[in-house]
């Protein structure tokens, strides 16, 4: 019996991790899972990965948040919910 990669769904096809990392549904699920597991650091890590994927500089130029605010929120890992909401809103719109 000969097995070929083409015989398996999803194997052998190009995969772009950015597609997964910039999908709001995937990110939302990851954030909810972190919250359910009482993992606030995980929430910040997911958001940081998401923002890195969508380019922090582009994000800061497209809204009323300064680039330093974006970096500070991620570096200190303890931003307010208001800051997080602005970050996520700015990407969505």
N, C-alpha and C. Protein backbone atom coordinates (compact mmCIF):
# COMPACT_ATOMS: atom_id res chain seq x y z
N UNK A 1 0.84 -1.18 0.00
CA UNK A 1 0.00 0.00 0.00
C UNK A 1 0.89 1.25 0.00
N UNK A 2 0.59 2.15 -0.91
CA UNK A 2 1.36 3.38 -1.04
C UNK A 2 0.50 4.53 -0.52
N UNK A 3 1.05 5.29 0.40
CA UNK A 3 0.37 6.47 0.92
C UNK A 3 0.95 7.71 0.27
N UNK A 4 0.06 8.61 -0.12
CA UNK A 4 0.50 9.88 -0.72
C UNK A 4 -0.06 11.02 0.11
N UNK A 5 0.68 12.09 0.22
CA UNK A 5 0.22 13.25 0.99
C UNK A 5 -1.11 13.77 0.48
N UNK A 6 -1.32 13.70 -0.81
CA UNK A 6 -2.55 14.21 -1.40
C UNK A 6 -3.79 13.44 -0.92
N UNK A 7 -3.57 12.24 -0.39
CA UNK A 7 -4.68 11.42 0.08
C UNK A 7 -5.23 11.89 1.43
N UNK A 8 -4.49 12.75 2.10
CA UNK A 8 -4.89 13.23 3.42
C UNK A 8 -5.31 14.69 3.34
N UNK A 9 -6.48 14.96 3.86
CA UNK A 9 -7.03 16.31 3.80
C UNK A 9 -6.15 17.29 4.57
N UNK A 10 -5.80 18.39 3.95
CA UNK A 10 -5.04 19.45 4.59
C UNK A 10 -3.54 19.24 4.61
N UNK A 11 -3.07 18.08 4.26
CA UNK A 11 -1.63 17.81 4.28
C UNK A 11 -1.08 18.03 2.87
N UNK A 12 0.06 18.64 2.80
CA UNK A 12 0.68 18.89 1.51
C UNK A 12 0.24 20.20 0.88
N UNK A 13 -0.64 20.93 1.55
CA UNK A 13 -1.07 22.22 1.03
C UNK A 13 -0.31 23.32 1.75
N UNK A 14 -0.20 24.46 1.11
CA UNK A 14 0.47 25.58 1.75
C UNK A 14 -0.31 26.01 2.98
N UNK A 15 0.43 26.37 4.00
CA UNK A 15 -0.19 26.84 5.23
C UNK A 15 0.40 28.19 5.59
N UNK A 16 -0.46 29.14 5.86
CA UNK A 16 -0.01 30.47 6.24
C UNK A 16 -0.47 30.73 7.67
N UNK A 17 0.43 30.69 8.66
CA UNK A 17 0.05 30.89 10.05
C UNK A 17 -0.62 32.24 10.30
N UNK A 18 -0.27 33.25 9.50
CA UNK A 18 -0.89 34.56 9.67
C UNK A 18 -2.39 34.51 9.46
N UNK A 19 -2.84 33.64 8.57
CA UNK A 19 -4.28 33.51 8.36
C UNK A 19 -4.98 33.07 9.64
N UNK A 20 -4.36 32.17 10.35
CA UNK A 20 -4.94 31.68 11.60
C UNK A 20 -4.82 32.75 12.69
N UNK A 21 -3.65 33.37 12.78
CA UNK A 21 -3.39 34.34 13.86
C UNK A 21 -4.15 35.64 13.72
N UNK A 22 -4.60 35.97 12.52
CA UNK A 22 -5.35 37.21 12.33
C UNK A 22 -6.85 36.98 12.22
N UNK A 23 -7.29 35.76 12.43
CA UNK A 23 -8.71 35.44 12.38
C UNK A 23 -9.33 35.76 13.74
N UNK A 24 -10.22 36.77 13.79
CA UNK A 24 -10.81 37.17 15.07
C UNK A 24 -11.53 36.03 15.81
N UNK A 25 -12.12 35.12 15.08
CA UNK A 25 -12.81 34.00 15.72
C UNK A 25 -11.82 33.11 16.47
N UNK A 26 -10.70 32.82 15.84
CA UNK A 26 -9.67 32.00 16.50
C UNK A 26 -9.10 32.70 17.72
N UNK A 27 -8.84 33.99 17.59
CA UNK A 27 -8.28 34.76 18.70
C UNK A 27 -9.29 34.84 19.84
N UNK A 28 -10.55 35.05 19.51
CA UNK A 28 -11.59 35.11 20.54
C UNK A 28 -11.70 33.81 21.31
N UNK A 29 -11.65 32.71 20.61
CA UNK A 29 -11.70 31.40 21.28
C UNK A 29 -10.51 31.21 22.20
N UNK A 30 -9.34 31.63 21.76
CA UNK A 30 -8.13 31.48 22.57
C UNK A 30 -8.22 32.35 23.83
N UNK A 31 -8.74 33.57 23.69
CA UNK A 31 -8.89 34.46 24.84
C UNK A 31 -9.88 33.89 25.84
N UNK A 32 -11.01 33.41 25.35
CA UNK A 32 -12.02 32.82 26.24
C UNK A 32 -11.45 31.60 26.97
N UNK A 33 -10.70 30.78 26.26
CA UNK A 33 -10.09 29.61 26.90
C UNK A 33 -9.13 30.03 28.01
N UNK A 34 -8.34 31.06 27.76
CA UNK A 34 -7.42 31.55 28.79
C UNK A 34 -8.21 32.06 30.00
N UNK A 35 -9.27 32.79 29.76
CA UNK A 35 -10.08 33.31 30.87
C UNK A 35 -10.73 32.18 31.65
N UNK A 36 -11.21 31.17 30.96
CA UNK A 36 -11.82 30.01 31.63
C UNK A 36 -10.80 29.27 32.49
N UNK A 37 -9.53 29.35 32.11
CA UNK A 37 -8.47 28.67 32.85
C UNK A 37 -7.75 29.61 33.83
N UNK A 38 -8.36 30.77 34.08
CA UNK A 38 -7.78 31.76 35.00
C UNK A 38 -6.33 32.06 34.63
N UNK A 39 -6.12 32.37 33.36
CA UNK A 39 -4.79 32.61 32.83
C UNK A 39 -4.71 34.00 32.19
N UNK A 40 -4.65 35.07 33.01
CA UNK A 40 -4.59 36.42 32.43
C UNK A 40 -3.33 36.66 31.60
N UNK A 41 -2.21 36.02 31.98
CA UNK A 41 -0.99 36.17 31.19
C UNK A 41 -1.18 35.56 29.80
N UNK A 42 -1.94 34.48 29.74
CA UNK A 42 -2.24 33.86 28.45
C UNK A 42 -3.05 34.78 27.56
N UNK A 43 -4.00 35.51 28.18
CA UNK A 43 -4.81 36.47 27.42
C UNK A 43 -3.90 37.51 26.79
N UNK A 44 -2.97 38.05 27.58
CA UNK A 44 -2.06 39.06 27.07
C UNK A 44 -1.15 38.49 25.99
N UNK A 45 -0.74 37.25 26.15
CA UNK A 45 0.11 36.62 25.14
C UNK A 45 -0.64 36.45 23.83
N UNK A 46 -1.89 36.02 23.90
CA UNK A 46 -2.70 35.86 22.69
C UNK A 46 -2.88 37.20 22.00
N UNK A 47 -3.19 38.25 22.78
CA UNK A 47 -3.37 39.57 22.19
C UNK A 47 -2.07 40.08 21.58
N UNK A 48 -0.96 39.86 22.26
CA UNK A 48 0.34 40.30 21.73
C UNK A 48 0.66 39.60 20.41
N UNK A 49 0.40 38.31 20.36
CA UNK A 49 0.65 37.56 19.12
C UNK A 49 -0.25 38.08 18.00
N UNK A 50 -1.50 38.33 18.33
CA UNK A 50 -2.47 38.85 17.37
C UNK A 50 -2.00 40.21 16.83
N UNK A 51 -1.63 41.11 17.73
CA UNK A 51 -1.21 42.44 17.30
C UNK A 51 0.08 42.39 16.50
N UNK A 52 0.97 41.50 16.87
CA UNK A 52 2.20 41.33 16.10
C UNK A 52 1.87 40.88 14.68
N UNK A 53 0.90 40.00 14.59
CA UNK A 53 0.51 39.48 13.28
C UNK A 53 -0.13 40.55 12.41
N UNK A 54 -0.83 41.50 13.00
CA UNK A 54 -1.48 42.54 12.19
C UNK A 54 -0.63 43.80 12.07
N UNK A 55 0.57 43.76 12.65
CA UNK A 55 1.54 44.85 12.54
C UNK A 55 1.18 46.01 13.46
N UNK A 56 1.91 46.10 14.55
CA UNK A 56 1.63 47.12 15.57
C UNK A 56 1.74 48.54 15.03
N UNK A 57 2.68 48.80 14.14
CA UNK A 57 2.82 50.15 13.63
C UNK A 57 1.62 50.54 12.79
N UNK A 58 1.19 49.64 11.92
CA UNK A 58 0.01 49.90 11.10
C UNK A 58 -1.20 50.13 11.99
N UNK A 59 -1.31 49.34 13.04
CA UNK A 59 -2.42 49.46 13.97
C UNK A 59 -2.42 50.82 14.64
N UNK A 60 -1.26 51.29 15.09
CA UNK A 60 -1.21 52.55 15.80
C UNK A 60 -1.48 53.74 14.87
N UNK A 61 -1.21 53.60 13.58
CA UNK A 61 -1.47 54.67 12.63
C UNK A 61 -2.94 54.76 12.25
N UNK A 62 -3.68 53.68 12.43
CA UNK A 62 -5.05 53.65 11.96
C UNK A 62 -6.07 53.99 13.03
N UNK A 63 -5.62 54.51 14.17
CA UNK A 63 -6.56 54.85 15.23
C UNK A 63 -6.01 55.96 16.09
N UNK A 64 -6.67 56.21 17.22
CA UNK A 64 -6.24 57.30 18.09
C UNK A 64 -5.27 56.85 19.17
N UNK A 65 -4.73 55.66 19.06
CA UNK A 65 -3.73 55.19 20.02
C UNK A 65 -2.33 55.48 19.48
N UNK A 66 -1.48 55.97 20.33
CA UNK A 66 -0.09 56.20 19.94
C UNK A 66 0.65 54.88 19.95
N UNK A 67 1.68 54.78 19.13
CA UNK A 67 2.47 53.56 19.05
C UNK A 67 3.03 53.18 20.41
N UNK A 68 3.46 54.16 21.17
CA UNK A 68 4.01 53.90 22.50
C UNK A 68 2.96 53.27 23.41
N UNK A 69 1.71 53.66 23.28
CA UNK A 69 0.63 53.08 24.09
C UNK A 69 0.47 51.60 23.76
N UNK A 70 0.55 51.27 22.49
CA UNK A 70 0.43 49.88 22.07
C UNK A 70 1.58 49.06 22.67
N UNK A 71 2.80 49.53 22.51
CA UNK A 71 3.96 48.81 23.03
C UNK A 71 3.91 48.72 24.55
N UNK A 72 3.54 49.81 25.20
CA UNK A 72 3.49 49.83 26.66
C UNK A 72 2.44 48.85 27.19
N UNK A 73 1.29 48.82 26.54
CA UNK A 73 0.23 47.92 26.98
C UNK A 73 0.68 46.47 26.89
N UNK A 74 1.43 46.15 25.87
CA UNK A 74 1.89 44.77 25.69
C UNK A 74 3.10 44.46 26.57
N UNK A 75 3.99 45.43 26.73
CA UNK A 75 5.21 45.20 27.51
C UNK A 75 4.90 45.00 28.98
N UNK A 76 4.05 45.85 29.52
CA UNK A 76 3.74 45.79 30.95
C UNK A 76 2.74 44.69 31.26
N UNK A 77 2.06 44.21 30.23
CA UNK A 77 1.13 43.08 30.37
C UNK A 77 0.02 43.32 31.39
N UNK A 78 -0.27 44.58 31.66
CA UNK A 78 -1.35 44.86 32.59
C UNK A 78 -2.14 46.10 32.13
N UNK A 79 -2.57 46.11 30.87
CA UNK A 79 -3.32 47.27 30.39
C UNK A 79 -4.74 47.24 30.96
N UNK A 80 -5.39 48.38 30.90
CA UNK A 80 -6.78 48.44 31.32
C UNK A 80 -7.65 47.77 30.25
N UNK A 81 -8.84 47.41 30.65
CA UNK A 81 -9.79 46.84 29.69
C UNK A 81 -10.11 47.88 28.63
N UNK A 82 -10.13 49.14 29.02
CA UNK A 82 -10.41 50.21 28.07
C UNK A 82 -9.33 50.25 26.98
N UNK A 83 -8.06 50.12 27.36
CA UNK A 83 -6.98 50.11 26.38
C UNK A 83 -7.06 48.88 25.48
N UNK A 84 -7.34 47.72 26.07
CA UNK A 84 -7.49 46.51 25.26
C UNK A 84 -8.63 46.66 24.27
N UNK A 85 -9.73 47.24 24.72
CA UNK A 85 -10.88 47.43 23.83
C UNK A 85 -10.50 48.34 22.67
N UNK A 86 -9.76 49.41 22.94
CA UNK A 86 -9.32 50.31 21.86
C UNK A 86 -8.42 49.58 20.86
N UNK A 87 -7.50 48.77 21.40
CA UNK A 87 -6.60 48.02 20.52
C UNK A 87 -7.38 47.10 19.60
N UNK A 88 -8.29 46.34 20.17
CA UNK A 88 -9.03 45.38 19.37
C UNK A 88 -10.01 46.09 18.42
N UNK A 89 -10.63 47.17 18.88
CA UNK A 89 -11.57 47.92 18.04
C UNK A 89 -10.85 48.52 16.84
N UNK A 90 -9.65 49.03 17.09
CA UNK A 90 -8.91 49.69 16.01
C UNK A 90 -8.59 48.73 14.88
N UNK A 91 -8.37 47.46 15.20
CA UNK A 91 -8.10 46.50 14.12
C UNK A 91 -9.39 46.14 13.39
N UNK A 92 -10.47 46.02 14.15
CA UNK A 92 -11.74 45.59 13.55
C UNK A 92 -12.34 46.64 12.64
N UNK A 93 -11.94 47.89 12.80
CA UNK A 93 -12.56 48.96 12.01
C UNK A 93 -11.57 49.73 11.25
